[in-house]
N, C-alpha and C. Protein backbone atom coordinates (compact mmCIF):
# COMPACT_ATOMS: atom_id res chain seq x y z
N UNK A 1 123.83 -121.17 15.56
CA UNK A 1 123.80 -119.77 15.11
C UNK A 1 124.53 -119.66 13.78
N UNK A 2 124.11 -118.73 12.96
CA UNK A 2 124.67 -118.65 11.61
C UNK A 2 126.04 -118.04 11.56
N UNK A 3 126.71 -118.33 10.45
CA UNK A 3 127.93 -117.61 10.08
C UNK A 3 127.48 -116.29 9.47
N UNK A 4 127.84 -115.17 10.05
CA UNK A 4 127.34 -113.88 9.59
C UNK A 4 128.49 -113.01 9.12
N UNK A 5 129.25 -113.48 8.15
CA UNK A 5 130.40 -112.72 7.65
C UNK A 5 129.99 -111.64 6.67
N UNK A 6 130.95 -110.86 6.27
CA UNK A 6 130.70 -109.80 5.31
C UNK A 6 130.51 -110.40 3.92
N UNK A 7 129.70 -109.75 3.08
CA UNK A 7 129.51 -110.26 1.73
C UNK A 7 130.83 -110.33 0.99
N UNK A 8 130.93 -111.28 0.08
CA UNK A 8 132.15 -111.42 -0.69
C UNK A 8 131.89 -112.23 -1.94
N UNK A 9 132.94 -112.70 -2.58
CA UNK A 9 132.82 -113.48 -3.79
C UNK A 9 133.24 -114.91 -3.50
N UNK A 10 132.91 -115.82 -4.44
CA UNK A 10 133.36 -117.19 -4.31
C UNK A 10 132.37 -118.08 -3.59
N UNK A 11 132.81 -119.32 -3.34
CA UNK A 11 131.91 -120.32 -2.77
C UNK A 11 131.49 -119.97 -1.35
N UNK A 12 132.35 -119.35 -0.56
CA UNK A 12 131.97 -118.98 0.81
C UNK A 12 130.75 -118.08 0.80
N UNK A 13 130.74 -117.08 -0.06
CA UNK A 13 129.59 -116.17 -0.15
C UNK A 13 128.37 -116.89 -0.72
N UNK A 14 128.59 -117.75 -1.71
CA UNK A 14 127.48 -118.52 -2.28
C UNK A 14 126.84 -119.41 -1.22
N UNK A 15 127.65 -120.07 -0.44
CA UNK A 15 127.16 -120.96 0.60
C UNK A 15 126.40 -120.20 1.67
N UNK A 16 126.96 -119.09 2.10
CA UNK A 16 126.31 -118.27 3.12
C UNK A 16 124.95 -117.76 2.64
N UNK A 17 124.90 -117.29 1.39
CA UNK A 17 123.65 -116.75 0.86
C UNK A 17 122.61 -117.85 0.65
N UNK A 18 123.05 -119.02 0.17
CA UNK A 18 122.14 -120.11 -0.12
C UNK A 18 121.51 -120.69 1.15
N UNK A 19 122.16 -120.52 2.28
CA UNK A 19 121.65 -121.11 3.54
C UNK A 19 121.14 -120.04 4.51
N UNK A 20 121.05 -118.81 4.06
CA UNK A 20 120.65 -117.71 4.95
C UNK A 20 119.28 -117.97 5.58
N UNK A 21 118.35 -118.48 4.81
CA UNK A 21 116.99 -118.69 5.32
C UNK A 21 116.90 -119.86 6.29
N UNK A 22 117.94 -120.70 6.34
CA UNK A 22 117.91 -121.87 7.23
C UNK A 22 118.33 -121.52 8.65
N UNK A 23 118.92 -120.36 8.86
CA UNK A 23 119.45 -120.02 10.18
C UNK A 23 118.36 -119.82 11.22
N UNK A 24 117.23 -119.29 10.80
CA UNK A 24 116.21 -118.88 11.77
C UNK A 24 115.51 -120.03 12.46
N UNK A 25 115.55 -121.24 11.86
CA UNK A 25 114.84 -122.35 12.47
C UNK A 25 115.35 -122.64 13.88
N UNK A 26 116.66 -122.57 14.06
CA UNK A 26 117.24 -122.83 15.38
C UNK A 26 117.00 -121.65 16.31
N UNK A 27 117.20 -120.44 15.82
CA UNK A 27 117.08 -119.25 16.66
C UNK A 27 115.66 -119.06 17.16
N UNK A 28 114.66 -119.58 16.41
CA UNK A 28 113.27 -119.39 16.81
C UNK A 28 112.73 -120.44 17.75
N UNK A 29 113.54 -121.43 18.14
CA UNK A 29 113.04 -122.46 19.05
C UNK A 29 112.79 -121.88 20.43
N UNK A 30 111.91 -122.52 21.19
CA UNK A 30 111.59 -122.03 22.53
C UNK A 30 112.83 -122.08 23.43
N UNK A 31 113.69 -123.08 23.21
CA UNK A 31 114.90 -123.17 24.03
C UNK A 31 115.82 -122.00 23.76
N UNK A 32 116.11 -121.73 22.49
CA UNK A 32 117.05 -120.66 22.17
C UNK A 32 116.46 -119.30 22.55
N UNK A 33 115.15 -119.13 22.35
CA UNK A 33 114.53 -117.87 22.75
C UNK A 33 114.68 -117.65 24.24
N UNK A 34 114.51 -118.71 25.03
CA UNK A 34 114.66 -118.59 26.48
C UNK A 34 116.10 -118.31 26.87
N UNK A 35 117.05 -118.91 26.14
CA UNK A 35 118.46 -118.65 26.40
C UNK A 35 118.79 -117.18 26.13
N UNK A 36 118.35 -116.69 24.98
CA UNK A 36 118.64 -115.30 24.61
C UNK A 36 117.97 -114.31 25.56
N UNK A 37 116.80 -114.69 26.08
CA UNK A 37 116.07 -113.80 26.99
C UNK A 37 116.55 -113.88 28.43
N UNK A 38 117.49 -114.78 28.71
CA UNK A 38 117.98 -114.93 30.07
C UNK A 38 117.01 -115.68 30.98
N UNK A 39 116.18 -116.56 30.39
CA UNK A 39 115.19 -117.27 31.18
C UNK A 39 115.61 -118.69 31.56
N UNK A 40 116.84 -119.07 31.26
CA UNK A 40 117.31 -120.41 31.60
C UNK A 40 118.21 -120.37 32.82
N UNK A 41 118.26 -121.49 33.52
CA UNK A 41 119.16 -121.64 34.64
C UNK A 41 120.28 -122.61 34.31
N UNK A 42 121.07 -122.91 35.30
CA UNK A 42 122.23 -123.78 35.11
C UNK A 42 121.85 -125.14 34.55
N UNK A 43 120.80 -125.74 35.08
CA UNK A 43 120.40 -127.07 34.65
C UNK A 43 120.00 -127.09 33.17
N UNK A 44 119.25 -126.08 32.75
CA UNK A 44 118.80 -126.03 31.37
C UNK A 44 119.96 -125.77 30.41
N UNK A 45 120.89 -124.92 30.83
CA UNK A 45 122.07 -124.69 30.00
C UNK A 45 122.91 -125.96 29.90
N UNK A 46 123.08 -126.66 31.01
CA UNK A 46 123.87 -127.89 31.01
C UNK A 46 123.29 -128.92 30.05
N UNK A 47 121.98 -128.93 29.90
CA UNK A 47 121.34 -129.89 29.00
C UNK A 47 121.78 -129.66 27.56
N UNK A 48 121.99 -128.41 27.16
CA UNK A 48 122.49 -128.13 25.81
C UNK A 48 123.91 -128.65 25.64
N UNK A 49 124.76 -128.41 26.62
CA UNK A 49 126.14 -128.88 26.54
C UNK A 49 126.17 -130.40 26.40
N UNK A 50 125.29 -131.07 27.14
CA UNK A 50 125.25 -132.53 27.09
C UNK A 50 124.88 -133.04 25.70
N UNK A 51 123.99 -132.34 25.00
CA UNK A 51 123.60 -132.76 23.66
C UNK A 51 124.68 -132.46 22.62
N UNK A 52 125.45 -131.43 22.85
CA UNK A 52 126.52 -131.09 21.92
C UNK A 52 127.65 -132.11 21.95
N UNK A 53 127.88 -132.72 23.10
CA UNK A 53 129.06 -133.57 23.26
C UNK A 53 129.14 -134.70 22.23
N UNK A 54 128.11 -135.53 22.06
CA UNK A 54 128.25 -136.63 21.09
C UNK A 54 128.42 -136.14 19.66
N UNK A 55 127.88 -134.98 19.34
CA UNK A 55 128.04 -134.42 18.00
C UNK A 55 129.51 -134.10 17.74
N UNK A 56 130.16 -133.46 18.69
CA UNK A 56 131.57 -133.08 18.50
C UNK A 56 132.50 -134.28 18.60
N UNK A 57 132.14 -135.26 19.41
CA UNK A 57 132.95 -136.48 19.45
C UNK A 57 133.00 -137.10 18.06
N UNK A 58 131.84 -137.25 17.43
CA UNK A 58 131.80 -137.86 16.10
C UNK A 58 132.48 -136.98 15.06
N UNK A 59 132.22 -135.69 15.11
CA UNK A 59 132.79 -134.80 14.11
C UNK A 59 134.32 -134.78 14.20
N UNK A 60 134.84 -134.86 15.40
CA UNK A 60 136.30 -134.83 15.54
C UNK A 60 136.93 -136.20 15.29
N UNK A 61 136.16 -137.27 15.46
CA UNK A 61 136.62 -138.57 14.98
C UNK A 61 136.71 -138.56 13.46
N UNK A 62 135.71 -137.96 12.82
CA UNK A 62 135.75 -137.84 11.36
C UNK A 62 136.92 -136.97 10.92
N UNK A 63 137.23 -135.93 11.69
CA UNK A 63 138.37 -135.08 11.37
C UNK A 63 139.66 -135.89 11.36
N UNK A 64 139.80 -136.80 12.32
CA UNK A 64 140.98 -137.67 12.33
C UNK A 64 141.04 -138.52 11.07
N UNK A 65 139.87 -139.02 10.64
CA UNK A 65 139.83 -139.83 9.42
C UNK A 65 140.19 -138.99 8.20
N UNK A 66 139.77 -137.73 8.19
CA UNK A 66 139.98 -136.87 7.03
C UNK A 66 141.32 -136.16 7.03
N UNK A 67 142.12 -136.38 8.05
CA UNK A 67 143.38 -135.65 8.17
C UNK A 67 144.32 -135.91 7.00
N UNK A 68 144.17 -137.03 6.31
CA UNK A 68 145.01 -137.33 5.17
C UNK A 68 144.39 -136.99 3.83
N UNK A 69 143.18 -136.44 3.85
CA UNK A 69 142.50 -136.11 2.60
C UNK A 69 142.96 -134.74 2.11
N UNK A 70 143.38 -134.62 0.86
CA UNK A 70 143.94 -133.35 0.40
C UNK A 70 142.94 -132.20 0.35
N UNK A 71 141.65 -132.50 0.22
CA UNK A 71 140.63 -131.45 0.17
C UNK A 71 140.15 -131.07 1.56
N UNK A 72 139.85 -132.06 2.39
CA UNK A 72 139.28 -131.80 3.71
C UNK A 72 140.33 -131.35 4.73
N UNK A 73 141.55 -131.88 4.64
CA UNK A 73 142.56 -131.63 5.67
C UNK A 73 142.85 -130.15 5.91
N UNK A 74 142.91 -129.29 4.88
CA UNK A 74 143.21 -127.88 5.16
C UNK A 74 142.20 -127.19 6.08
N UNK A 75 140.97 -127.72 6.16
CA UNK A 75 139.95 -127.11 7.01
C UNK A 75 140.15 -127.42 8.50
N UNK A 76 141.07 -128.30 8.81
CA UNK A 76 141.29 -128.70 10.21
C UNK A 76 142.24 -127.69 10.87
N UNK A 77 141.77 -126.50 11.05
CA UNK A 77 142.60 -125.42 11.58
C UNK A 77 142.92 -125.65 13.05
N UNK A 78 144.17 -125.37 13.43
CA UNK A 78 144.59 -125.52 14.82
C UNK A 78 143.72 -124.63 15.72
N UNK A 79 143.24 -125.21 16.81
CA UNK A 79 142.48 -124.44 17.78
C UNK A 79 140.98 -124.56 17.64
N UNK A 80 140.49 -125.19 16.58
CA UNK A 80 139.04 -125.30 16.41
C UNK A 80 138.42 -126.41 17.26
N UNK A 81 139.12 -127.48 17.47
CA UNK A 81 138.51 -128.63 18.15
C UNK A 81 137.90 -128.23 19.49
N UNK A 82 136.73 -128.80 19.77
CA UNK A 82 135.96 -128.39 20.95
C UNK A 82 135.75 -129.51 21.97
N UNK A 83 136.13 -130.74 21.65
CA UNK A 83 135.79 -131.84 22.55
C UNK A 83 136.39 -131.66 23.94
N UNK A 84 137.66 -131.31 24.00
CA UNK A 84 138.32 -131.17 25.31
C UNK A 84 137.64 -130.07 26.14
N UNK A 85 137.31 -128.96 25.50
CA UNK A 85 136.63 -127.87 26.21
C UNK A 85 135.24 -128.30 26.66
N UNK A 86 134.53 -129.01 25.79
CA UNK A 86 133.20 -129.50 26.17
C UNK A 86 133.27 -130.41 27.38
N UNK A 87 134.25 -131.27 27.42
CA UNK A 87 134.35 -132.22 28.52
C UNK A 87 134.73 -131.52 29.82
N UNK A 88 135.54 -130.48 29.74
CA UNK A 88 135.82 -129.68 30.94
C UNK A 88 134.56 -129.00 31.43
N UNK A 89 133.75 -128.48 30.50
CA UNK A 89 132.50 -127.84 30.88
C UNK A 89 131.53 -128.84 31.50
N UNK A 90 131.44 -130.04 30.93
CA UNK A 90 130.54 -131.06 31.47
C UNK A 90 130.96 -131.50 32.86
N UNK A 91 132.25 -131.63 33.09
CA UNK A 91 132.74 -131.99 34.42
C UNK A 91 132.38 -130.91 35.44
N UNK A 92 132.48 -129.66 35.01
CA UNK A 92 132.11 -128.55 35.89
C UNK A 92 130.61 -128.56 36.19
N UNK A 93 129.80 -128.81 35.16
CA UNK A 93 128.35 -128.70 35.30
C UNK A 93 127.72 -129.90 35.98
N UNK A 94 128.27 -131.10 35.75
CA UNK A 94 127.66 -132.32 36.25
C UNK A 94 128.49 -133.05 37.30
N UNK A 95 129.75 -132.65 37.45
CA UNK A 95 130.61 -133.34 38.40
C UNK A 95 131.45 -134.41 37.73
N UNK A 96 132.34 -135.06 38.51
CA UNK A 96 133.30 -136.01 37.92
C UNK A 96 132.65 -137.23 37.27
N UNK A 97 131.43 -137.56 37.63
CA UNK A 97 130.76 -138.71 37.02
C UNK A 97 129.85 -138.31 35.87
N UNK A 98 130.17 -137.23 35.19
CA UNK A 98 129.27 -136.68 34.17
C UNK A 98 128.95 -137.66 33.06
N UNK A 99 129.87 -138.53 32.72
CA UNK A 99 129.62 -139.46 31.61
C UNK A 99 128.48 -140.42 31.90
N UNK A 100 128.27 -140.74 33.17
CA UNK A 100 127.26 -141.73 33.54
C UNK A 100 125.84 -141.20 33.38
N UNK A 101 125.67 -139.89 33.45
CA UNK A 101 124.32 -139.35 33.45
C UNK A 101 123.83 -138.78 32.14
N UNK A 102 124.68 -138.82 31.10
CA UNK A 102 124.29 -138.20 29.84
C UNK A 102 123.43 -139.13 29.00
N UNK A 103 122.45 -138.56 28.35
CA UNK A 103 121.61 -139.31 27.44
C UNK A 103 121.25 -138.45 26.24
N UNK A 104 121.33 -139.02 25.07
CA UNK A 104 121.03 -138.26 23.87
C UNK A 104 119.54 -138.21 23.58
N UNK A 105 119.03 -137.06 23.25
CA UNK A 105 117.64 -136.92 22.82
C UNK A 105 117.47 -137.54 21.44
N UNK A 106 116.23 -137.86 21.04
CA UNK A 106 116.04 -138.46 19.71
C UNK A 106 116.64 -137.63 18.58
N UNK A 107 116.50 -136.31 18.63
CA UNK A 107 117.06 -135.47 17.57
C UNK A 107 118.58 -135.53 17.57
N UNK A 108 119.18 -135.63 18.74
CA UNK A 108 120.64 -135.74 18.82
C UNK A 108 121.10 -137.05 18.20
N UNK A 109 120.37 -138.11 18.44
CA UNK A 109 120.73 -139.41 17.86
C UNK A 109 120.61 -139.37 16.33
N UNK A 110 119.58 -138.69 15.83
CA UNK A 110 119.45 -138.57 14.37
C UNK A 110 120.58 -137.75 13.79
N UNK A 111 120.96 -136.69 14.47
CA UNK A 111 122.08 -135.85 14.04
C UNK A 111 123.36 -136.70 13.96
N UNK A 112 123.61 -137.45 15.00
CA UNK A 112 124.83 -138.28 15.03
C UNK A 112 124.81 -139.34 13.93
N UNK A 113 123.65 -139.89 13.67
CA UNK A 113 123.57 -140.89 12.61
C UNK A 113 123.91 -140.28 11.25
N UNK A 114 123.47 -139.04 11.01
CA UNK A 114 123.82 -138.40 9.75
C UNK A 114 125.31 -138.14 9.66
N UNK A 115 125.93 -137.75 10.76
CA UNK A 115 127.38 -137.56 10.75
C UNK A 115 128.09 -138.86 10.40
N UNK A 116 127.62 -139.97 10.93
CA UNK A 116 128.24 -141.26 10.61
C UNK A 116 128.09 -141.57 9.13
N UNK A 117 126.96 -141.18 8.56
CA UNK A 117 126.68 -141.51 7.16
C UNK A 117 127.56 -140.74 6.19
N UNK A 118 127.85 -139.47 6.48
CA UNK A 118 128.46 -138.64 5.44
C UNK A 118 129.83 -138.06 5.77
N UNK A 119 130.24 -138.09 7.03
CA UNK A 119 131.46 -137.36 7.41
C UNK A 119 132.73 -138.19 7.38
N UNK A 120 132.62 -139.49 7.25
CA UNK A 120 133.81 -140.33 7.34
C UNK A 120 134.35 -140.76 5.99
N UNK A 121 133.55 -140.60 4.93
CA UNK A 121 134.05 -141.03 3.62
C UNK A 121 133.68 -140.08 2.49
N UNK A 122 133.10 -138.93 2.81
CA UNK A 122 132.79 -137.92 1.81
C UNK A 122 133.39 -136.59 2.27
N UNK A 123 134.50 -136.16 1.68
CA UNK A 123 135.13 -134.91 2.13
C UNK A 123 134.18 -133.71 2.13
N UNK A 124 133.37 -133.58 1.08
CA UNK A 124 132.44 -132.46 1.02
C UNK A 124 131.40 -132.51 2.11
N UNK A 125 130.94 -133.71 2.44
CA UNK A 125 129.97 -133.84 3.53
C UNK A 125 130.59 -133.52 4.87
N UNK A 126 131.82 -133.95 5.04
CA UNK A 126 132.52 -133.60 6.28
C UNK A 126 132.65 -132.09 6.41
N UNK A 127 133.10 -131.42 5.35
CA UNK A 127 133.27 -129.97 5.41
C UNK A 127 131.92 -129.29 5.64
N UNK A 128 130.85 -129.80 5.06
CA UNK A 128 129.53 -129.20 5.25
C UNK A 128 129.16 -129.16 6.74
N UNK A 129 129.37 -130.26 7.44
CA UNK A 129 129.02 -130.31 8.87
C UNK A 129 130.05 -129.58 9.72
N UNK A 130 131.30 -129.68 9.34
CA UNK A 130 132.38 -128.97 10.04
C UNK A 130 132.13 -127.46 9.96
N UNK A 131 131.83 -126.98 8.77
CA UNK A 131 131.53 -125.56 8.56
C UNK A 131 130.34 -125.12 9.41
N UNK A 132 129.26 -125.89 9.36
CA UNK A 132 128.04 -125.51 10.08
C UNK A 132 128.29 -125.37 11.56
N UNK A 133 129.03 -126.29 12.13
CA UNK A 133 129.25 -126.25 13.57
C UNK A 133 130.27 -125.17 13.94
N UNK A 134 131.46 -125.23 13.37
CA UNK A 134 132.54 -124.37 13.86
C UNK A 134 132.38 -122.91 13.45
N UNK A 135 131.89 -122.66 12.23
CA UNK A 135 131.65 -121.27 11.86
C UNK A 135 130.49 -120.70 12.67
N UNK A 136 129.53 -121.53 13.04
CA UNK A 136 128.48 -121.09 13.94
C UNK A 136 129.01 -120.78 15.32
N UNK A 137 129.91 -121.61 15.83
CA UNK A 137 130.51 -121.37 17.15
C UNK A 137 131.30 -120.07 17.17
N UNK A 138 131.95 -119.78 16.04
CA UNK A 138 132.77 -118.58 15.95
C UNK A 138 131.96 -117.32 15.70
N UNK A 139 130.71 -117.48 15.29
CA UNK A 139 129.86 -116.34 14.97
C UNK A 139 128.82 -116.17 16.08
N UNK A 140 127.57 -116.58 15.82
CA UNK A 140 126.53 -116.42 16.82
C UNK A 140 126.79 -117.18 18.11
N UNK A 141 127.58 -118.23 18.03
CA UNK A 141 127.92 -118.97 19.24
C UNK A 141 128.61 -118.12 20.29
N UNK A 142 129.27 -117.07 19.86
CA UNK A 142 129.92 -116.19 20.83
C UNK A 142 128.88 -115.47 21.69
N UNK A 143 127.72 -115.16 21.12
CA UNK A 143 126.64 -114.55 21.91
C UNK A 143 126.03 -115.58 22.87
N UNK A 144 125.89 -116.82 22.40
CA UNK A 144 125.42 -117.88 23.29
C UNK A 144 126.37 -118.02 24.48
N UNK A 145 127.66 -117.97 24.21
CA UNK A 145 128.64 -118.04 25.29
C UNK A 145 128.48 -116.92 26.29
N UNK A 146 128.21 -115.73 25.79
CA UNK A 146 127.98 -114.58 26.69
C UNK A 146 126.77 -114.82 27.57
N UNK A 147 125.70 -115.33 26.99
CA UNK A 147 124.51 -115.62 27.78
C UNK A 147 124.79 -116.71 28.81
N UNK A 148 125.56 -117.72 28.41
CA UNK A 148 125.91 -118.79 29.35
C UNK A 148 126.73 -118.26 30.51
N UNK A 149 127.64 -117.35 30.23
CA UNK A 149 128.44 -116.75 31.31
C UNK A 149 127.54 -116.02 32.29
N UNK A 150 126.54 -115.34 31.79
CA UNK A 150 125.62 -114.63 32.67
C UNK A 150 124.82 -115.61 33.53
N UNK A 151 124.37 -116.71 32.91
CA UNK A 151 123.61 -117.72 33.64
C UNK A 151 124.44 -118.29 34.79
N UNK A 152 125.71 -118.58 34.50
CA UNK A 152 126.55 -119.26 35.47
C UNK A 152 127.36 -118.31 36.34
N UNK A 153 127.38 -117.03 36.00
CA UNK A 153 128.18 -116.07 36.76
C UNK A 153 129.66 -116.31 36.62
N UNK A 154 130.11 -116.56 35.38
CA UNK A 154 131.50 -116.92 35.13
C UNK A 154 132.18 -115.90 34.22
N UNK A 155 133.50 -115.88 34.26
CA UNK A 155 134.29 -115.09 33.33
C UNK A 155 134.58 -115.94 32.09
N UNK A 156 134.93 -115.28 31.00
CA UNK A 156 135.24 -115.99 29.76
C UNK A 156 136.40 -116.96 29.98
N UNK A 157 136.25 -118.18 29.44
CA UNK A 157 137.32 -119.15 29.50
C UNK A 157 137.34 -120.02 30.74
N UNK A 158 136.46 -119.75 31.71
CA UNK A 158 136.40 -120.59 32.89
C UNK A 158 135.68 -121.89 32.56
N UNK A 159 135.88 -122.93 33.40
CA UNK A 159 135.13 -124.16 33.23
C UNK A 159 133.64 -123.83 33.29
N UNK A 160 132.89 -124.45 32.42
CA UNK A 160 131.48 -124.16 32.27
C UNK A 160 131.20 -123.45 30.96
N UNK A 161 132.15 -122.64 30.50
CA UNK A 161 131.98 -121.91 29.23
C UNK A 161 133.25 -121.96 28.38
N UNK A 162 134.11 -122.95 28.62
CA UNK A 162 135.32 -123.08 27.81
C UNK A 162 135.01 -123.36 26.35
N UNK A 163 133.89 -123.99 26.10
CA UNK A 163 133.51 -124.35 24.74
C UNK A 163 133.54 -123.15 23.81
N UNK A 164 133.20 -121.97 24.32
CA UNK A 164 133.06 -120.79 23.47
C UNK A 164 134.33 -119.96 23.40
N UNK A 165 135.40 -120.43 23.99
CA UNK A 165 136.65 -119.68 24.02
C UNK A 165 137.65 -120.33 23.08
N UNK A 166 138.10 -119.58 22.08
CA UNK A 166 139.08 -120.08 21.11
C UNK A 166 140.43 -119.42 21.38
N UNK A 167 141.52 -120.08 21.01
CA UNK A 167 142.84 -119.52 21.30
C UNK A 167 143.20 -118.30 20.47
N UNK A 168 142.52 -118.09 19.35
CA UNK A 168 142.75 -116.89 18.53
C UNK A 168 141.42 -116.18 18.32
N UNK A 169 141.47 -114.98 17.77
CA UNK A 169 140.25 -114.22 17.56
C UNK A 169 139.35 -114.93 16.55
N UNK A 170 138.04 -114.98 16.82
CA UNK A 170 137.14 -115.66 15.89
C UNK A 170 137.25 -115.19 14.46
N UNK A 171 137.43 -113.90 14.24
CA UNK A 171 137.50 -113.39 12.87
C UNK A 171 138.66 -114.00 12.08
N UNK A 172 139.76 -114.24 12.75
CA UNK A 172 140.91 -114.80 12.04
C UNK A 172 140.60 -116.20 11.53
N UNK A 173 139.90 -116.99 12.36
CA UNK A 173 139.50 -118.33 11.90
C UNK A 173 138.51 -118.23 10.74
N UNK A 174 137.53 -117.34 10.88
CA UNK A 174 136.49 -117.24 9.85
C UNK A 174 137.07 -116.79 8.52
N UNK A 175 137.98 -115.86 8.57
CA UNK A 175 138.59 -115.39 7.33
C UNK A 175 139.37 -116.51 6.65
N UNK A 176 140.13 -117.26 7.42
CA UNK A 176 140.90 -118.37 6.86
C UNK A 176 139.98 -119.46 6.31
N UNK A 177 138.90 -119.73 7.03
CA UNK A 177 137.98 -120.78 6.62
C UNK A 177 137.30 -120.41 5.31
N UNK A 178 136.87 -119.15 5.18
CA UNK A 178 136.21 -118.72 3.96
C UNK A 178 137.18 -118.76 2.76
N UNK A 179 138.43 -118.43 3.01
CA UNK A 179 139.42 -118.52 1.94
C UNK A 179 139.59 -119.97 1.49
N UNK A 180 139.55 -120.90 2.42
CA UNK A 180 139.66 -122.31 2.07
C UNK A 180 138.45 -122.78 1.27
N UNK A 181 137.26 -122.32 1.64
CA UNK A 181 136.07 -122.67 0.87
C UNK A 181 136.19 -122.18 -0.56
N UNK A 182 136.69 -120.96 -0.73
CA UNK A 182 136.83 -120.41 -2.07
C UNK A 182 137.89 -121.15 -2.88
N UNK A 183 138.89 -121.69 -2.22
CA UNK A 183 140.00 -122.34 -2.92
C UNK A 183 139.76 -123.83 -3.18
N UNK A 184 138.78 -124.43 -2.51
CA UNK A 184 138.56 -125.87 -2.65
C UNK A 184 138.18 -126.23 -4.09
N UNK A 185 138.67 -127.36 -4.60
CA UNK A 185 138.50 -127.70 -6.02
C UNK A 185 137.19 -128.40 -6.33
N UNK A 186 136.06 -127.85 -5.86
CA UNK A 186 134.76 -128.46 -6.10
C UNK A 186 134.12 -127.87 -7.35
N UNK A 187 133.53 -128.74 -8.17
CA UNK A 187 132.79 -128.24 -9.33
C UNK A 187 131.38 -127.83 -8.89
N UNK A 188 130.58 -127.34 -9.83
CA UNK A 188 129.26 -126.82 -9.50
C UNK A 188 128.36 -127.89 -8.88
N UNK A 189 128.45 -129.12 -9.38
CA UNK A 189 127.61 -130.19 -8.84
C UNK A 189 127.97 -130.51 -7.39
N UNK A 190 129.26 -130.55 -7.11
CA UNK A 190 129.68 -130.84 -5.74
C UNK A 190 129.34 -129.68 -4.81
N UNK A 191 129.46 -128.47 -5.28
CA UNK A 191 129.06 -127.33 -4.46
C UNK A 191 127.59 -127.41 -4.11
N UNK A 192 126.77 -127.79 -5.08
CA UNK A 192 125.33 -127.93 -4.81
C UNK A 192 125.07 -129.00 -3.77
N UNK A 193 125.80 -130.12 -3.84
CA UNK A 193 125.65 -131.18 -2.83
C UNK A 193 126.04 -130.68 -1.45
N UNK A 194 127.11 -129.92 -1.38
CA UNK A 194 127.57 -129.39 -0.09
C UNK A 194 126.56 -128.40 0.48
N UNK A 195 126.02 -127.53 -0.37
CA UNK A 195 125.00 -126.59 0.09
C UNK A 195 123.80 -127.34 0.65
N UNK A 196 123.37 -128.39 -0.05
CA UNK A 196 122.23 -129.18 0.44
C UNK A 196 122.54 -129.83 1.78
N UNK A 197 123.79 -130.27 1.96
CA UNK A 197 124.16 -130.91 3.23
C UNK A 197 124.25 -129.89 4.35
N UNK A 198 124.70 -128.69 4.06
CA UNK A 198 124.72 -127.64 5.08
C UNK A 198 123.29 -127.32 5.52
N UNK A 199 122.36 -127.24 4.57
CA UNK A 199 120.97 -127.03 4.92
C UNK A 199 120.46 -128.14 5.84
N UNK A 200 120.85 -129.36 5.52
CA UNK A 200 120.43 -130.48 6.36
C UNK A 200 121.05 -130.36 7.75
N UNK A 201 122.30 -129.94 7.82
CA UNK A 201 122.96 -129.77 9.11
C UNK A 201 122.26 -128.72 9.96
N UNK A 202 121.87 -127.61 9.35
CA UNK A 202 121.11 -126.60 10.09
C UNK A 202 119.81 -127.18 10.62
N UNK A 203 119.11 -127.97 9.80
CA UNK A 203 117.85 -128.56 10.23
C UNK A 203 118.05 -129.54 11.38
N UNK A 204 119.11 -130.33 11.30
CA UNK A 204 119.40 -131.28 12.38
C UNK A 204 119.71 -130.55 13.68
N UNK A 205 120.47 -129.48 13.59
CA UNK A 205 120.79 -128.69 14.78
C UNK A 205 119.54 -128.06 15.37
N UNK A 206 118.66 -127.53 14.51
CA UNK A 206 117.42 -126.92 14.98
C UNK A 206 116.54 -127.95 15.66
N UNK A 207 116.54 -129.19 15.15
CA UNK A 207 115.74 -130.23 15.77
C UNK A 207 116.21 -130.55 17.18
N UNK A 208 117.52 -130.45 17.42
CA UNK A 208 118.04 -130.70 18.77
C UNK A 208 117.52 -129.66 19.75
N UNK A 209 117.58 -128.38 19.38
CA UNK A 209 117.11 -127.36 20.32
C UNK A 209 115.59 -127.42 20.48
N UNK A 210 114.88 -127.83 19.41
CA UNK A 210 113.43 -128.02 19.55
C UNK A 210 113.14 -129.15 20.53
N UNK A 211 113.89 -130.25 20.43
CA UNK A 211 113.73 -131.36 21.37
C UNK A 211 114.05 -130.92 22.80
N UNK A 212 115.09 -130.11 22.95
CA UNK A 212 115.44 -129.61 24.29
C UNK A 212 114.29 -128.80 24.88
N UNK A 213 113.69 -127.94 24.06
CA UNK A 213 112.58 -127.14 24.55
C UNK A 213 111.43 -128.00 25.03
N UNK A 214 111.12 -129.04 24.26
CA UNK A 214 110.03 -129.94 24.67
C UNK A 214 110.41 -130.74 25.90
N UNK A 215 111.63 -131.27 25.91
CA UNK A 215 112.07 -132.11 27.03
C UNK A 215 112.10 -131.33 28.33
N UNK A 216 112.51 -130.08 28.27
CA UNK A 216 112.60 -129.23 29.47
C UNK A 216 111.32 -128.46 29.74
N UNK A 217 110.33 -128.62 28.86
CA UNK A 217 109.03 -127.96 28.98
C UNK A 217 109.17 -126.45 29.09
N UNK A 218 109.96 -125.92 28.17
CA UNK A 218 110.17 -124.48 28.12
C UNK A 218 109.07 -123.85 27.29
N UNK A 219 108.40 -122.91 27.87
CA UNK A 219 107.31 -122.23 27.19
C UNK A 219 107.84 -121.13 26.28
N UNK A 220 107.19 -120.90 25.14
CA UNK A 220 107.59 -119.77 24.29
C UNK A 220 107.46 -118.46 25.05
N UNK A 221 108.22 -117.46 24.63
CA UNK A 221 108.14 -116.15 25.27
C UNK A 221 106.74 -115.59 25.11
N UNK A 222 106.29 -114.89 26.11
CA UNK A 222 104.94 -114.29 26.08
C UNK A 222 104.90 -113.18 25.04
């Protein structure tokens, strides 16, 4: 889901505007349409959580690598990491042996391969993917969490939907993150590279939900 902040100045606004048209590819998939319409059950929701796990494992491994980088490190805001919450949700959804039954779809494997290529030695590439995932989780992801709670009959923050619960208000993270984007010392060429990588990240994410729709044989809404 997109970052849908208020218009502003600086690179954060430029990035948001430049990638606005890329948001709809994911939202229009049969899987996401079924999620938003309340047509999914526990099993189908769990399949999404399973595909997210390897993405966040890699992204947070890259975060550890980037922790000493003067440009990337400020973006590692306390409370953003999602791996621990994802694993609690997977244990709830699949049971204690959840690791044994997970398998990545082809689109998930391609997504992970791109993370390996650009997130461990290119600060701008790391921020591009970090931004796409975490700002999405803090924005439209909050609505996905609400739908997941309805599917599972859970309250916010319980196992099964911990992924969507942050220790502080989403707006506070988003405001800080946008300020960091505006302050980062990237020239015009590097900003263009980052915008292109964010577009690629949106496309990779959309491919995962498209694969989920096909794998689960979810029909488009009538």
